[in-house]
C-alpha atoms as a PDB file:
ATOM      1  CA  MET A   1      -1.479  -9.017 -28.082  1.00  0.00           C
ATOM      2  CA  THR A   2      -4.591  -7.056 -28.988  1.00  0.00           C
ATOM      3  CA  ALA A   3      -8.066  -8.028 -27.803  1.00  0.00           C
ATOM      4  CA  ALA A   4     -11.326  -6.124 -27.599  1.00  0.00           C
ATOM      5  CA  ARG A   5     -14.827  -6.519 -26.275  1.00  0.00           C
ATOM      6  CA  VAL A   6     -17.796  -4.194 -26.769  1.00  0.00           C
ATOM      7  CA  ILE A   7     -20.867  -4.431 -24.542  1.00  0.00           C
ATOM      8  CA  LYS A   8     -24.049  -2.484 -25.321  1.00  0.00           C
ATOM      9  CA  LEU A   9     -25.985  -1.529 -22.203  1.00  0.00           C
ATOM     10  CA  ALA A  10     -29.363  -0.039 -21.468  1.00  0.00           C
ATOM     11  CA  PRO A  11     -29.234   3.229 -19.522  1.00  0.00           C
ATOM     12  CA  VAL A  12     -30.543   1.533 -16.377  1.00  0.00           C
ATOM     13  CA  GLN A  13     -28.879   0.904 -13.031  1.00  0.00           C
ATOM     14  CA  ALA A  14     -29.338  -2.884 -13.377  1.00  0.00           C
ATOM     15  CA  ASP A  15     -26.933  -2.918 -16.345  1.00  0.00           C
ATOM     16  CA  VAL A  16     -24.072  -1.710 -14.118  1.00  0.00           C
ATOM     17  CA  ALA A  17     -23.894  -5.256 -12.715  1.00  0.00           C
ATOM     18  CA  LYS A  18     -23.996  -6.639 -16.274  1.00  0.00           C
ATOM     19  CA  ALA A  19     -21.008  -4.424 -17.156  1.00  0.00           C
ATOM     20  CA  ARG A  20     -19.047  -5.557 -14.076  1.00  0.00           C
ATOM     21  CA  HIS A  21     -19.763  -9.202 -14.865  1.00  0.00           C
ATOM     22  CA  ALA A  22     -18.706  -8.817 -18.521  1.00  0.00           C
ATOM     23  CA  THR A  23     -15.514  -7.106 -17.391  1.00  0.00           C
ATOM     24  CA  GLY A  24     -14.677  -9.932 -14.978  1.00  0.00           C
ATOM     25  CA  ASP A  25     -15.298 -12.484 -17.731  1.00  0.00           C
ATOM     26  CA  SER A  26     -12.972 -10.622 -20.092  1.00  0.00           C
ATOM     27  CA  MET A  27     -10.246 -10.388 -17.453  1.00  0.00           C
ATOM     28  CA  LYS A  28     -10.426 -14.174 -16.933  1.00  0.00           C
ATOM     29  CA  ARG A  29     -10.414 -14.859 -20.674  1.00  0.00           C
ATOM     30  CA  TRP A  30      -7.368 -12.634 -21.109  1.00  0.00           C
ATOM     31  CA  ALA A  31      -5.651 -14.271 -18.079  1.00  0.00           C
ATOM     32  CA  LEU A  32      -5.143 -10.961 -16.280  1.00  0.00           C
ATOM     33  CA  PRO A  33      -4.340 -10.871 -12.536  1.00  0.00           C
ATOM     34  CA  ALA A  34      -7.220 -10.929 -10.042  1.00  0.00           C
ATOM     35  CA  SER A  35      -6.081  -7.640  -8.488  1.00  0.00           C
ATOM     36  CA  LEU A  36      -6.251  -5.946 -11.899  1.00  0.00           C
ATOM     37  CA  SER A  37      -9.687  -7.460 -12.472  1.00  0.00           C
ATOM     38  CA  GLU A  38     -10.926  -5.976  -9.185  1.00  0.00           C
ATOM     39  CA  ASP A  39      -9.639  -2.509 -10.141  1.00  0.00           C
ATOM     40  CA  ALA A  40     -11.085  -2.802 -13.657  1.00  0.00           C
ATOM     41  CA  ARG A  41     -14.510  -3.866 -12.350  1.00  0.00           C
ATOM     42  CA  LEU A  42     -14.580  -0.952  -9.891  1.00  0.00           C
ATOM     43  CA  ILE A  43     -13.636   1.529 -12.630  1.00  0.00           C
ATOM     44  CA  VAL A  44     -16.271   0.051 -14.965  1.00  0.00           C
ATOM     45  CA  SER A  45     -18.863   0.284 -12.200  1.00  0.00           C
ATOM     46  CA  GLU A  46     -18.107   3.954 -11.569  1.00  0.00           C
ATOM     47  CA  LEU A  47     -17.967   4.975 -15.245  1.00  0.00           C
ATOM     48  CA  VAL A  48     -21.100   3.070 -16.246  1.00  0.00           C
ATOM     49  CA  THR A  49     -22.974   4.442 -13.223  1.00  0.00           C
ATOM     50  CA  ASN A  50     -21.970   7.973 -14.263  1.00  0.00           C
ATOM     51  CA  ALA A  51     -23.237   7.318 -17.800  1.00  0.00           C
ATOM     52  CA  VAL A  52     -26.540   5.874 -16.531  1.00  0.00           C
ATOM     53  CA  VAL A  53     -27.186   8.597 -13.935  1.00  0.00           C
ATOM     54  CA  HIS A  54     -25.798  11.685 -15.690  1.00  0.00           C
ATOM     55  CA  GLY A  55     -25.625  10.711 -19.363  1.00  0.00           C
ATOM     56  CA  ARG A  56     -28.234  10.221 -22.018  1.00  0.00           C
ATOM     57  CA  GLY A  57     -29.234   7.363 -24.316  1.00  0.00           C
ATOM     58  CA  ARG A  58     -27.579   3.996 -24.837  1.00  0.00           C
ATOM     59  CA  VAL A  59     -24.379   3.207 -22.952  1.00  0.00           C
ATOM     60  CA  THR A  60     -21.467   1.352 -24.519  1.00  0.00           C
ATOM     61  CA  LEU A  61     -18.621  -0.296 -22.606  1.00  0.00           C
ATOM     62  CA  ARG A  62     -15.495  -1.038 -24.624  1.00  0.00           C
ATOM     63  CA  LEU A  63     -12.591  -3.041 -23.186  1.00  0.00           C
ATOM     64  CA  LEU A  64      -9.329  -3.000 -25.129  1.00  0.00           C
ATOM     65  CA  ARG A  65      -6.247  -4.968 -24.220  1.00  0.00           C
ATOM     66  CA  ARG A  66      -3.154  -3.985 -26.146  1.00  0.00           C
ATOM     67  CA  ASP A  67       0.302  -5.092 -25.042  1.00  0.00           C
ATOM     68  CA  ASP A  68       0.613  -4.059 -21.379  1.00  0.00           C
ATOM     69  CA  VAL A  69      -2.404  -1.740 -21.229  1.00  0.00           C
ATOM     70  CA  LEU A  70      -6.072  -2.352 -20.531  1.00  0.00           C
ATOM     71  CA  ARG A  71      -8.192   0.544 -21.747  1.00  0.00           C
ATOM     72  CA  ILE A  72     -11.745   0.917 -20.478  1.00  0.00           C
ATOM     73  CA  GLU A  73     -14.056   3.223 -22.432  1.00  0.00           C
ATOM     74  CA  VAL A  74     -17.634   4.098 -21.501  1.00  0.00           C
ATOM     75  CA  SER A  75     -19.711   6.147 -23.928  1.00  0.00           C
ATOM     76  CA  ASP A  76     -23.207   7.578 -23.914  1.00  0.00           C
ATOM     77  CA  GLU A  77     -25.069  10.032 -26.128  1.00  0.00           C
ATOM     78  CA  SER A  78     -24.627  13.135 -23.956  1.00  0.00           C
ATOM     79  CA  SER A  79     -22.044  15.703 -24.984  1.00  0.00           C
ATOM     80  CA  THR A  80     -21.817  17.027 -21.422  1.00  0.00           C
ATOM     81  CA  PRO A  81     -18.555  15.639 -20.002  1.00  0.00           C
ATOM     82  CA  PRO A  82     -18.428  14.230 -16.476  1.00  0.00           C
ATOM     83  CA  GLN A  83     -16.768  16.374 -13.846  1.00  0.00           C
ATOM     84  CA  MET A  84     -14.728  15.347 -10.844  1.00  0.00           C
ATOM     85  CA  ARG A  85     -16.295  16.619  -7.629  1.00  0.00           C
ATOM     86  CA  THR A  86     -15.230  16.854  -4.053  1.00  0.00           C
ATOM     87  CA  ALA A  87     -17.792  14.983  -1.992  1.00  0.00           C
ATOM     88  CA  SER A  88     -18.380  15.765   1.648  1.00  0.00           C
ATOM     89  CA  ASP A  89     -18.354  13.014   4.268  1.00  0.00           C
ATOM     90  CA  ASP A  90     -22.168  12.964   4.228  1.00  0.00           C
ATOM     91  CA  ASP A  91     -22.566  12.761   0.429  1.00  0.00           C
ATOM     92  CA  VAL A  92     -23.780   9.413  -0.887  1.00  0.00           C
ATOM     93  CA  HIS A  93     -22.551  10.140  -4.439  1.00  0.00           C
ATOM     94  CA  GLY A  94     -19.740  12.118  -6.030  1.00  0.00           C
ATOM     95  CA  ARG A  95     -16.642   9.978  -5.556  1.00  0.00           C
ATOM     96  CA  GLY A  96     -16.646   7.988  -8.812  1.00  0.00           C
ATOM     97  CA  LEU A  97     -14.061   9.934 -10.786  1.00  0.00           C
ATOM     98  CA  VAL A  98     -11.916  10.361  -7.672  1.00  0.00           C
ATOM     99  CA  LEU A  99     -11.776   6.554  -7.435  1.00  0.00           C
ATOM    100  CA  VAL A 100     -11.013   6.248 -11.159  1.00  0.00           C
ATOM    101  CA  ASP A 101      -8.213   8.791 -10.766  1.00  0.00           C
ATOM    102  CA  ALA A 102      -6.759   6.846  -7.833  1.00  0.00           C
ATOM    103  CA  LEU A 103      -6.874   3.438  -9.546  1.00  0.00           C
ATOM    104  CA  ALA A 104      -6.049   4.196 -13.177  1.00  0.00           C
ATOM    105  CA  HIS A 105      -2.628   4.777 -14.664  1.00  0.00           C
ATOM    106  CA  ASP A 106      -4.294   7.491 -16.759  1.00  0.00           C
ATOM    107  CA  TRP A 107      -7.832   8.578 -17.606  1.00  0.00           C
ATOM    108  CA  GLY A 108      -9.633  11.248 -19.553  1.00  0.00           C
ATOM    109  CA  ILE A 109     -12.623  12.368 -21.542  1.00  0.00           C
ATOM    110  CA  SER A 110     -12.947  12.471 -25.326  1.00  0.00           C
ATOM    111  CA  ASN A 111     -13.078  15.857 -27.040  1.00  0.00           C
ATOM    112  CA  ASP A 112     -16.791  15.452 -27.771  1.00  0.00           C
ATOM    113  CA  GLY A 113     -17.519  14.661 -24.080  1.00  0.00           C
ATOM    114  CA  ARG A 114     -19.255  11.372 -24.914  1.00  0.00           C
ATOM    115  CA  THR A 115     -16.567   8.893 -23.854  1.00  0.00           C
ATOM    116  CA  THR A 116     -14.757   8.617 -20.546  1.00  0.00           C
ATOM    117  CA  TRP A 117     -11.769   6.281 -20.578  1.00  0.00           C
ATOM    118  CA  ALA A 118      -9.294   4.847 -18.102  1.00  0.00           C
ATOM    119  CA  ALA A 119      -6.075   2.922 -18.675  1.00  0.00           C
ATOM    120  CA  LEU A 120      -4.606   0.270 -16.395  1.00  0.00           C
ATOM    121  CA  LEU A 121      -1.205  -1.334 -16.788  1.00  0.00           C
ATOM    122  CA  THR A 122      -1.534  -5.105 -17.069  1.00  0.00           C
ATOM    123  CA  SER A 123       1.986  -5.850 -15.806  1.00  0.00           C
ATOM    124  CA  GLY A 124       4.614  -4.251 -13.632  1.00  0.00           C
ATOM    125  CA  GLY A 125       2.477  -3.564 -10.589  1.00  0.00           C
ATOM    126  CA  ASN A 126       0.478  -0.473  -9.752  1.00  0.00           C
ATOM    127  CA  PRO A 127       2.009   2.607 -11.433  1.00  0.00           C
ATOM    128  CA  CYS A 128       0.181   5.114  -9.255  1.00  0.00           C
END
């Protein structure tokens, strides 16, 4: 099975909630487990927030379901790739990619630095 959904977002913090909601709707439509939906919504929240705060221009969320993989892609117009940081206990920000790394089966950044993606397995439990 192959399914896709593309959501265009404004580069504003309020559209992070719109992205989470659209992701939850897609997970329901594709009859994916609630636990996977929770992980997907958290990953979407972190990646879209990174694009809004550190990126530039319009933000695009792309959800792709192919066979046993859900791929989440978030793009913006900045060619500066996101970087994983080590946040101190007092830092309010800086844990997004650490969370993505912990939840996703795999993740990465496109060669042009404009798209950050994460892959989740849709069956077989948590591979991490």
